[in-house]
PDB file of N, CA and C in Angstrom:
ATOM      1  N   MET A   1     -50.475   9.451 -20.203  1.00  0.00           N
ATOM      2  CA  MET A   1     -50.607   9.339 -18.772  1.00  0.00           C
ATOM      3  C   MET A   1     -51.094  10.688 -18.260  1.00  0.00           C
ATOM      4  N   THR A   2     -52.103  10.639 -17.446  1.00  0.00           N
ATOM      5  CA  THR A   2     -52.694  11.878 -16.927  1.00  0.00           C
ATOM      6  C   THR A   2     -52.051  12.247 -15.593  1.00  0.00           C
ATOM      7  N   ASP A   3     -52.422  13.426 -15.113  1.00  0.00           N
ATOM      8  CA  ASP A   3     -51.888  13.886 -13.825  1.00  0.00           C
ATOM      9  C   ASP A   3     -52.355  12.995 -12.684  1.00  0.00           C
ATOM     10  N   ASP A   4     -53.595  12.524 -12.771  1.00  0.00           N
ATOM     11  CA  ASP A   4     -54.101  11.645 -11.713  1.00  0.00           C
ATOM     12  C   ASP A   4     -53.314  10.331 -11.671  1.00  0.00           C
ATOM     13  N   ASP A   5     -52.968   9.801 -12.848  1.00  0.00           N
ATOM     14  CA  ASP A   5     -52.176   8.568 -12.892  1.00  0.00           C
ATOM     15  C   ASP A   5     -50.784   8.795 -12.279  1.00  0.00           C
ATOM     16  N   LEU A   6     -50.192   9.934 -12.590  1.00  0.00           N
ATOM     17  CA  LEU A   6     -48.889  10.251 -12.019  1.00  0.00           C
ATOM     18  C   LEU A   6     -48.967  10.437 -10.509  1.00  0.00           C
ATOM     19  N   ASP A   7     -50.005  11.107 -10.031  1.00  0.00           N
ATOM     20  CA  ASP A   7     -50.166  11.288  -8.583  1.00  0.00           C
ATOM     21  C   ASP A   7     -50.305   9.945  -7.877  1.00  0.00           C
ATOM     22  N   LEU A   8     -51.068   9.026  -8.459  1.00  0.00           N
ATOM     23  CA  LEU A   8     -51.240   7.704  -7.882  1.00  0.00           C
ATOM     24  C   LEU A   8     -49.904   6.942  -7.880  1.00  0.00           C
ATOM     25  N   LEU A   9     -49.163   7.045  -8.970  1.00  0.00           N
ATOM     26  CA  LEU A   9     -47.872   6.373  -9.073  1.00  0.00           C
ATOM     27  C   LEU A   9     -46.880   6.909  -8.040  1.00  0.00           C
ATOM     28  N   PHE A  10     -46.832   8.220  -7.863  1.00  0.00           N
ATOM     29  CA  PHE A  10     -45.932   8.813  -6.871  1.00  0.00           C
ATOM     30  C   PHE A  10     -46.355   8.459  -5.450  1.00  0.00           C
ATOM     31  N   ALA A  11     -47.647   8.371  -5.185  1.00  0.00           N
ATOM     32  CA  ALA A  11     -48.132   7.990  -3.858  1.00  0.00           C
ATOM     33  C   ALA A  11     -47.725   6.552  -3.544  1.00  0.00           C
ATOM     34  N   GLN A  12     -47.787   5.680  -4.531  1.00  0.00           N
ATOM     35  CA  GLN A  12     -47.374   4.295  -4.317  1.00  0.00           C
ATOM     36  C   GLN A  12     -45.860   4.204  -4.091  1.00  0.00           C
ATOM     37  N   ALA A  13     -45.113   5.024  -4.775  1.00  0.00           N
ATOM     38  CA  ALA A  13     -43.659   4.991  -4.625  1.00  0.00           C
ATOM     39  C   ALA A  13     -43.234   5.524  -3.259  1.00  0.00           C
ATOM     40  N   ARG A  14     -44.007   6.472  -2.705  1.00  0.00           N
ATOM     41  CA  ARG A  14     -43.666   7.036  -1.397  1.00  0.00           C
ATOM     42  C   ARG A  14     -44.099   6.148  -0.241  1.00  0.00           C
ATOM     43  N   ALA A  15     -45.008   5.230  -0.473  1.00  0.00           N
ATOM     44  CA  ALA A  15     -45.503   4.369   0.604  1.00  0.00           C
ATOM     45  C   ALA A  15     -44.425   3.353   0.985  1.00  0.00           C
ATOM     46  N   GLU A  16     -44.190   3.224   2.295  1.00  0.00           N
ATOM     47  CA  GLU A  16     -43.171   2.296   2.775  1.00  0.00           C
ATOM     48  C   GLU A  16     -43.744   0.879   2.795  1.00  0.00           C
ATOM     49  N   THR A  17     -42.941  -0.049   2.326  1.00  0.00           N
ATOM     50  CA  THR A  17     -43.341  -1.455   2.291  1.00  0.00           C
ATOM     51  C   THR A  17     -42.475  -2.240   3.279  1.00  0.00           C
ATOM     52  N   PRO A  18     -42.859  -3.463   3.599  1.00  0.00           N
ATOM     53  CA  PRO A  18     -42.008  -4.277   4.479  1.00  0.00           C
ATOM     54  C   PRO A  18     -40.612  -4.522   3.882  1.00  0.00           C
ATOM     55  N   ALA A  19     -40.502  -4.599   2.571  1.00  0.00           N
ATOM     56  CA  ALA A  19     -39.189  -4.769   1.938  1.00  0.00           C
ATOM     57  C   ALA A  19     -38.320  -3.539   2.175  1.00  0.00           C
ATOM     58  N   ASP A  20     -38.922  -2.352   2.139  1.00  0.00           N
ATOM     59  CA  ASP A  20     -38.158  -1.132   2.417  1.00  0.00           C
ATOM     60  C   ASP A  20     -37.663  -1.105   3.859  1.00  0.00           C
ATOM     61  N   ALA A  21     -38.514  -1.516   4.777  1.00  0.00           N
ATOM     62  CA  ALA A  21     -38.123  -1.528   6.185  1.00  0.00           C
ATOM     63  C   ALA A  21     -37.000  -2.543   6.409  1.00  0.00           C
ATOM     64  N   GLY A  22     -37.074  -3.695   5.760  1.00  0.00           N
ATOM     65  CA  GLY A  22     -36.017  -4.695   5.897  1.00  0.00           C
ATOM     66  C   GLY A  22     -34.699  -4.209   5.320  1.00  0.00           C
ATOM     67  N   ALA A  23     -34.753  -3.551   4.183  1.00  0.00           N
ATOM     68  CA  ALA A  23     -33.536  -3.015   3.574  1.00  0.00           C
ATOM     69  C   ALA A  23     -32.923  -1.939   4.465  1.00  0.00           C
ATOM     70  N   ALA A  24     -33.762  -1.095   5.049  1.00  0.00           N
ATOM     71  CA  ALA A  24     -33.257  -0.047   5.938  1.00  0.00           C
ATOM     72  C   ALA A  24     -32.622  -0.664   7.183  1.00  0.00           C
ATOM     73  N   ASP A  25     -33.242  -1.713   7.724  1.00  0.00           N
ATOM     74  CA  ASP A  25     -32.671  -2.371   8.898  1.00  0.00           C
ATOM     75  C   ASP A  25     -31.315  -3.003   8.574  1.00  0.00           C
ATOM     76  N   ARG A  26     -31.204  -3.649   7.428  1.00  0.00           N
ATOM     77  CA  ARG A  26     -29.924  -4.262   7.041  1.00  0.00           C
ATOM     78  C   ARG A  26     -28.848  -3.197   6.849  1.00  0.00           C
ATOM     79  N   PHE A  27     -29.211  -2.098   6.197  1.00  0.00           N
ATOM     80  CA  PHE A  27     -28.243  -1.018   5.975  1.00  0.00           C
ATOM     81  C   PHE A  27     -27.791  -0.427   7.303  1.00  0.00           C
ATOM     82  N   LEU A  28     -28.736  -0.131   8.191  1.00  0.00           N
ATOM     83  CA  LEU A  28     -28.367   0.486   9.465  1.00  0.00           C
ATOM     84  C   LEU A  28     -27.541  -0.459  10.329  1.00  0.00           C
ATOM     85  N   ALA A  29     -27.853  -1.754  10.296  1.00  0.00           N
ATOM     86  CA  ALA A  29     -27.063  -2.710  11.078  1.00  0.00           C
ATOM     87  C   ALA A  29     -25.623  -2.761  10.565  1.00  0.00           C
ATOM     88  N   ARG A  30     -25.454  -2.801   9.234  1.00  0.00           N
ATOM     89  CA  ARG A  30     -24.099  -2.834   8.664  1.00  0.00           C
ATOM     90  C   ARG A  30     -23.367  -1.524   8.942  1.00  0.00           C
ATOM     91  N   HIS A  31     -24.067  -0.417   8.830  1.00  0.00           N
ATOM     92  CA  HIS A  31     -23.459   0.892   9.068  1.00  0.00           C
ATOM     93  C   HIS A  31     -23.009   1.024  10.527  1.00  0.00           C
ATOM     94  N   ARG A  32     -23.822   0.588  11.452  1.00  0.00           N
ATOM     95  CA  ARG A  32     -23.450   0.671  12.877  1.00  0.00           C
ATOM     96  C   ARG A  32     -22.293  -0.269  13.183  1.00  0.00           C
ATOM     97  N   ALA A  33     -22.271  -1.430  12.547  1.00  0.00           N
ATOM     98  CA  ALA A  33     -21.169  -2.376  12.777  1.00  0.00           C
ATOM     99  C   ALA A  33     -19.853  -1.808  12.263  1.00  0.00           C
ATOM    100  N   GLU A  34     -19.875  -1.121  11.136  1.00  0.00           N
ATOM    101  CA  GLU A  34     -18.652  -0.518  10.592  1.00  0.00           C
ATOM    102  C   GLU A  34     -18.152   0.602  11.492  1.00  0.00           C
ATOM    103  N   ARG A  35     -19.060   1.369  12.029  1.00  0.00           N
ATOM    104  CA  ARG A  35     -18.650   2.483  12.889  1.00  0.00           C
ATOM    105  C   ARG A  35     -18.137   1.991  14.230  1.00  0.00           C
ATOM    106  N   ALA A  36     -18.652   0.841  14.706  1.00  0.00           N
ATOM    107  CA  ALA A  36     -18.249   0.327  16.005  1.00  0.00           C
ATOM    108  C   ALA A  36     -17.004  -0.544  15.922  1.00  0.00           C
ATOM    109  N   ALA A  37     -16.597  -0.928  14.723  1.00  0.00           N
ATOM    110  CA  ALA A  37     -15.437  -1.812  14.559  1.00  0.00           C
ATOM    111  C   ALA A  37     -14.164  -1.077  14.982  1.00  0.00           C
ATOM    112  N   PRO A  38     -13.218  -1.810  15.572  1.00  0.00           N
ATOM    113  CA  PRO A  38     -11.951  -1.156  15.952  1.00  0.00           C
ATOM    114  C   PRO A  38     -11.196  -0.726  14.701  1.00  0.00           C
ATOM    115  N   PRO A  39     -10.396   0.312  14.825  1.00  0.00           N
ATOM    116  CA  PRO A  39      -9.656   0.780  13.644  1.00  0.00           C
ATOM    117  C   PRO A  39      -8.640  -0.266  13.196  1.00  0.00           C
ATOM    118  N   ARG A  40      -8.406  -0.309  11.916  1.00  0.00           N
ATOM    119  CA  ARG A  40      -7.459  -1.270  11.351  1.00  0.00           C
ATOM    120  C   ARG A  40      -6.041  -0.838  11.652  1.00  0.00           C
ATOM    121  N   ARG A  41      -5.188  -1.839  11.892  1.00  0.00           N
ATOM    122  CA  ARG A  41      -3.774  -1.543  12.134  1.00  0.00           C
ATOM    123  C   ARG A  41      -3.100  -1.165  10.835  1.00  0.00           C
ATOM    124  N   ALA A  42      -2.153  -0.285  10.962  1.00  0.00           N
ATOM    125  CA  ALA A  42      -1.381   0.125   9.795  1.00  0.00           C
ATOM    126  C   ALA A  42      -0.456  -1.026   9.386  1.00  0.00           C
ATOM    127  N   PRO A  43      -0.237  -1.205   8.103  1.00  0.00           N
ATOM    128  CA  PRO A  43       0.667  -2.282   7.679  1.00  0.00           C
ATOM    129  C   PRO A  43       2.101  -1.983   8.104  1.00  0.00           C
ATOM    130  N   ARG A  44       2.862  -3.066   8.317  1.00  0.00           N
ATOM    131  CA  ARG A  44       4.228  -2.900   8.798  1.00  0.00           C
ATOM    132  C   ARG A  44       5.248  -2.794   7.677  1.00  0.00           C
ATOM    133  N   TRP A  45       4.861  -3.082   6.452  1.00  0.00           N
ATOM    134  CA  TRP A  45       5.868  -3.120   5.387  1.00  0.00           C
ATOM    135  C   TRP A  45       6.358  -1.755   4.928  1.00  0.00           C
ATOM    136  N   PRO A  46       5.618  -0.652   4.979  1.00  0.00           N
ATOM    137  CA  PRO A  46       6.200   0.623   4.532  1.00  0.00           C
ATOM    138  C   PRO A  46       7.420   1.076   5.336  1.00  0.00           C
ATOM    139  N   PRO A  47       7.403   1.000   6.675  1.00  0.00           N
ATOM    140  CA  PRO A  47       8.631   1.390   7.386  1.00  0.00           C
ATOM    141  C   PRO A  47       9.796   0.453   7.090  1.00  0.00           C
ATOM    142  N   LEU A  48       9.511  -0.838   6.925  1.00  0.00           N
ATOM    143  CA  LEU A  48      10.591  -1.779   6.589  1.00  0.00           C
ATOM    144  C   LEU A  48      11.170  -1.474   5.212  1.00  0.00           C
ATOM    145  N   LEU A  49      10.307  -1.130   4.274  1.00  0.00           N
ATOM    146  CA  LEU A  49      10.766  -0.779   2.936  1.00  0.00           C
ATOM    147  C   LEU A  49      11.599   0.499   2.970  1.00  0.00           C
ATOM    148  N   ALA A  50      11.188   1.462   3.762  1.00  0.00           N
ATOM    149  CA  ALA A  50      11.955   2.709   3.885  1.00  0.00           C
ATOM    150  C   ALA A  50      13.320   2.447   4.518  1.00  0.00           C
ATOM    151  N   ALA A  51      13.361   1.601   5.527  1.00  0.00           N
ATOM    152  CA  ALA A  51      14.639   1.275   6.161  1.00  0.00           C
ATOM    153  C   ALA A  51      15.563   0.547   5.183  1.00  0.00           C
ATOM    154  N   ALA A  52      15.011  -0.344   4.383  1.00  0.00           N
ATOM    155  CA  ALA A  52      15.828  -1.046   3.390  1.00  0.00           C
ATOM    156  C   ALA A  52      16.359  -0.075   2.343  1.00  0.00           C
ATOM    157  N   ALA A  53      15.557   0.893   1.946  1.00  0.00           N
ATOM    158  CA  ALA A  53      16.007   1.883   0.962  1.00  0.00           C
ATOM    159  C   ALA A  53      17.128   2.753   1.535  1.00  0.00           C
ATOM    160  N   ILE A  54      16.998   3.130   2.782  1.00  0.00           N
ATOM    161  CA  ILE A  54      18.049   3.940   3.411  1.00  0.00           C
ATOM    162  C   ILE A  54      19.348   3.141   3.518  1.00  0.00           C
ATOM    163  N   LEU A  55      19.228   1.889   3.933  1.00  0.00           N
ATOM    164  CA  LEU A  55      20.412   1.043   4.051  1.00  0.00           C
ATOM    165  C   LEU A  55      21.082   0.833   2.691  1.00  0.00           C
ATOM    166  N   ALA A  56      20.292   0.595   1.664  1.00  0.00           N
ATOM    167  CA  ALA A  56      20.855   0.428   0.322  1.00  0.00           C
ATOM    168  C   ALA A  56      21.528   1.714  -0.144  1.00  0.00           C
ATOM    169  N   GLY A  57      20.931   2.858   0.142  1.00  0.00           N
ATOM    170  CA  GLY A  57      21.541   4.130  -0.230  1.00  0.00           C
ATOM    171  C   GLY A  57      22.856   4.360   0.467  1.00  0.00           C
ATOM    172  N   VAL A  58      22.932   4.015   1.738  1.00  0.00           N
ATOM    173  CA  VAL A  58      24.184   4.182   2.481  1.00  0.00           C
ATOM    174  C   VAL A  58      25.252   3.266   1.912  1.00  0.00           C
ATOM    175  N   LEU A  59      24.881   2.021   1.599  1.00  0.00           N
ATOM    176  CA  LEU A  59      25.870   1.083   1.065  1.00  0.00           C
ATOM    177  C   LEU A  59      26.355   1.480  -0.321  1.00  0.00           C
ATOM    178  N   VAL A  60      25.484   2.060  -1.119  1.00  0.00           N
ATOM    179  CA  VAL A  60      25.861   2.443  -2.482  1.00  0.00           C
ATOM    180  C   VAL A  60      26.670   3.738  -2.484  1.00  0.00           C
ATOM    181  N   LEU A  61      26.347   4.670  -1.629  1.00  0.00           N
ATOM    182  CA  LEU A  61      26.976   5.987  -1.667  1.00  0.00           C
ATOM    183  C   LEU A  61      28.262   6.084  -0.856  1.00  0.00           C
ATOM    184  N   ARG A  62      28.585   5.090  -0.047  1.00  0.00           N
ATOM    185  CA  ARG A  62      29.826   5.183   0.742  1.00  0.00           C
ATOM    186  C   ARG A  62      31.032   5.015  -0.184  1.00  0.00           C
ATOM    187  N   PRO A  63      32.169   5.597   0.170  1.00  0.00           N
ATOM    188  CA  PRO A  63      33.358   5.460  -0.689  1.00  0.00           C
ATOM    189  C   PRO A  63      33.887   4.025  -0.625  1.00  0.00           C
ATOM    190  N   THR A  64      34.390   3.582  -1.744  1.00  0.00           N
ATOM    191  CA  THR A  64      34.923   2.222  -1.793  1.00  0.00           C
ATOM    192  C   THR A  64      36.309   2.195  -1.154  1.00  0.00           C
ATOM    193  N   PRO A  65      36.611   1.159  -0.420  1.00  0.00           N
ATOM    194  CA  PRO A  65      37.939   1.081   0.201  1.00  0.00           C
ATOM    195  C   PRO A  65      38.987   0.783  -0.864  1.00  0.00           C
ATOM    196  N   ALA A  66      40.237   1.105  -0.550  1.00  0.00           N
ATOM    197  CA  ALA A  66      41.333   0.820  -1.476  1.00  0.00           C
ATOM    198  C   ALA A  66      41.456  -0.690  -1.630  1.00  0.00           C
ATOM    199  N   LEU A  67      41.498  -1.131  -2.842  1.00  0.00           N
ATOM    200  CA  LEU A  67      41.551  -2.562  -3.102  1.00  0.00           C
ATOM    201  C   LEU A  67      42.981  -3.065  -2.989  1.00  0.00           C
ATOM    202  N   PRO A  68      43.185  -4.216  -2.380  1.00  0.00           N
ATOM    203  CA  PRO A  68      44.543  -4.748  -2.270  1.00  0.00           C
ATOM    204  C   PRO A  68      45.033  -5.242  -3.632  1.00  0.00           C
ATOM    205  N   ALA A  69      46.342  -5.241  -3.813  1.00  0.00           N
ATOM    206  CA  ALA A  69      46.916  -5.720  -5.066  1.00  0.00           C
ATOM    207  C   ALA A  69      46.671  -7.211  -5.180  1.00  0.00           C
ATOM    208  N   SER A  70      46.439  -7.655  -6.375  1.00  0.00           N
ATOM    209  CA  SER A  70      46.175  -9.078  -6.577  1.00  0.00           C
ATOM    210  C   SER A  70      47.481  -9.863  -6.576  1.00  0.00           C
ATOM    211  N   ALA A  71      47.358 -11.155  -6.480  1.00  0.00           N
ATOM    212  CA  ALA A  71      48.539 -12.018  -6.467  1.00  0.00           C
ATOM    213  C   ALA A  71      49.259 -11.954  -7.805  1.00  0.00           C
ATOM    214  N   ALA A  72      48.523 -11.852  -8.896  1.00  0.00           N
ATOM    215  CA  ALA A  72      49.160 -11.769 -10.217  1.00  0.00           C
ATOM    216  C   ALA A  72      49.967 -10.479 -10.341  1.00  0.00           C
ATOM    217  N   TYR A  73      49.444  -9.380  -9.832  1.00  0.00           N
ATOM    218  CA  TYR A  73      50.170  -8.113  -9.870  1.00  0.00           C
ATOM    219  C   TYR A  73      51.465  -8.214  -9.061  1.00  0.00           C
ATOM    220  N   ASP A  74      51.396  -8.875  -7.917  1.00  0.00           N
ATOM    221  CA  ASP A  74      52.604  -9.067  -7.092  1.00  0.00           C
ATOM    222  C   ASP A  74      53.660  -9.885  -7.830  1.00  0.00           C
ATOM    223  N   VAL A  75      53.223 -10.902  -8.579  1.00  0.00           N
ATOM    224  CA  VAL A  75      54.168 -11.733  -9.335  1.00  0.00           C
ATOM    225  C   VAL A  75      54.820 -10.917 -10.436  1.00  0.00           C
ATOM    226  N   TYR A  76      54.014 -10.150 -11.204  1.00  0.00           N
ATOM    227  CA  TYR A  76      54.584  -9.309 -12.271  1.00  0.00           C
ATOM    228  C   TYR A  76      55.569  -8.300 -11.698  1.00  0.00           C
ATOM    229  N   GLN A  77      55.196  -7.676 -10.619  1.00  0.00           N
ATOM    230  CA  GLN A  77      56.053  -6.665 -10.027  1.00  0.00           C
ATOM    231  C   GLN A  77      57.357  -7.285  -9.496  1.00  0.00           C
ATOM    232  N   GLY A  78      57.254  -8.464  -8.931  1.00  0.00           N
ATOM    233  CA  GLY A  78      58.451  -9.128  -8.425  1.00  0.00           C
ATOM    234  C   GLY A  78      59.368  -9.610  -9.541  1.00  0.00           C
ATOM    235  N   THR A  79      58.792 -10.042 -10.657  1.00  0.00           N
ATOM    236  CA  THR A  79      59.580 -10.583 -11.758  1.00  0.00           C
ATOM    237  C   THR A  79      60.170  -9.503 -12.613  1.00  0.00           C
ATOM    238  N   LEU A  80      59.353  -8.529 -13.021  1.00  0.00           N
ATOM    239  CA  LEU A  80      59.786  -7.514 -13.969  1.00  0.00           C
ATOM    240  C   LEU A  80      60.330  -6.257 -13.297  1.00  0.00           C
ATOM    241  N   GLY A  81      60.178  -6.128 -12.048  1.00  0.00           N
ATOM    242  CA  GLY A  81      60.687  -4.950 -11.350  1.00  0.00           C
ATOM    243  C   GLY A  81      59.589  -3.903 -11.190  1.00  0.00           C
ATOM    244  N   GLU A  82      60.002  -2.787 -10.675  1.00  0.00           N
ATOM    245  CA  GLU A  82      59.037  -1.750 -10.327  1.00  0.00           C
ATOM    246  C   GLU A  82      58.442  -1.051 -11.550  1.00  0.00           C
ATOM    247  N   GLY A  83      59.145  -0.900 -12.611  1.00  0.00           N
ATOM    248  CA  GLY A  83      58.632  -0.101 -13.728  1.00  0.00           C
ATOM    249  C   GLY A  83      58.136  -0.898 -14.911  1.00  0.00           C
ATOM    250  N   TRP A  84      57.632  -2.058 -14.765  1.00  0.00           N
ATOM    251  CA  TRP A  84      57.209  -2.864 -15.896  1.00  0.00           C
ATOM    252  C   TRP A  84      56.064  -2.204 -16.581  1.00  0.00           C
TER     253      TRP A  84
END
């Protein structure tokens, strides 16, 4: 390939065609539509997930209340006395 062939090839590549103009119009229309679109709302699930994690942490880390004696323990204690 000679220099003249390359010059001709580059000149053809630089020439704008109707297909190039159509592609540019489609790109610019989509680009302008994206820029003009209202911003997307933030999802609501992250704050809900954080609140659930905090609630679970509070429930797990709180001290357990004193458990009442069971009915079986009361029967043993009543039958065998205090020091069984």
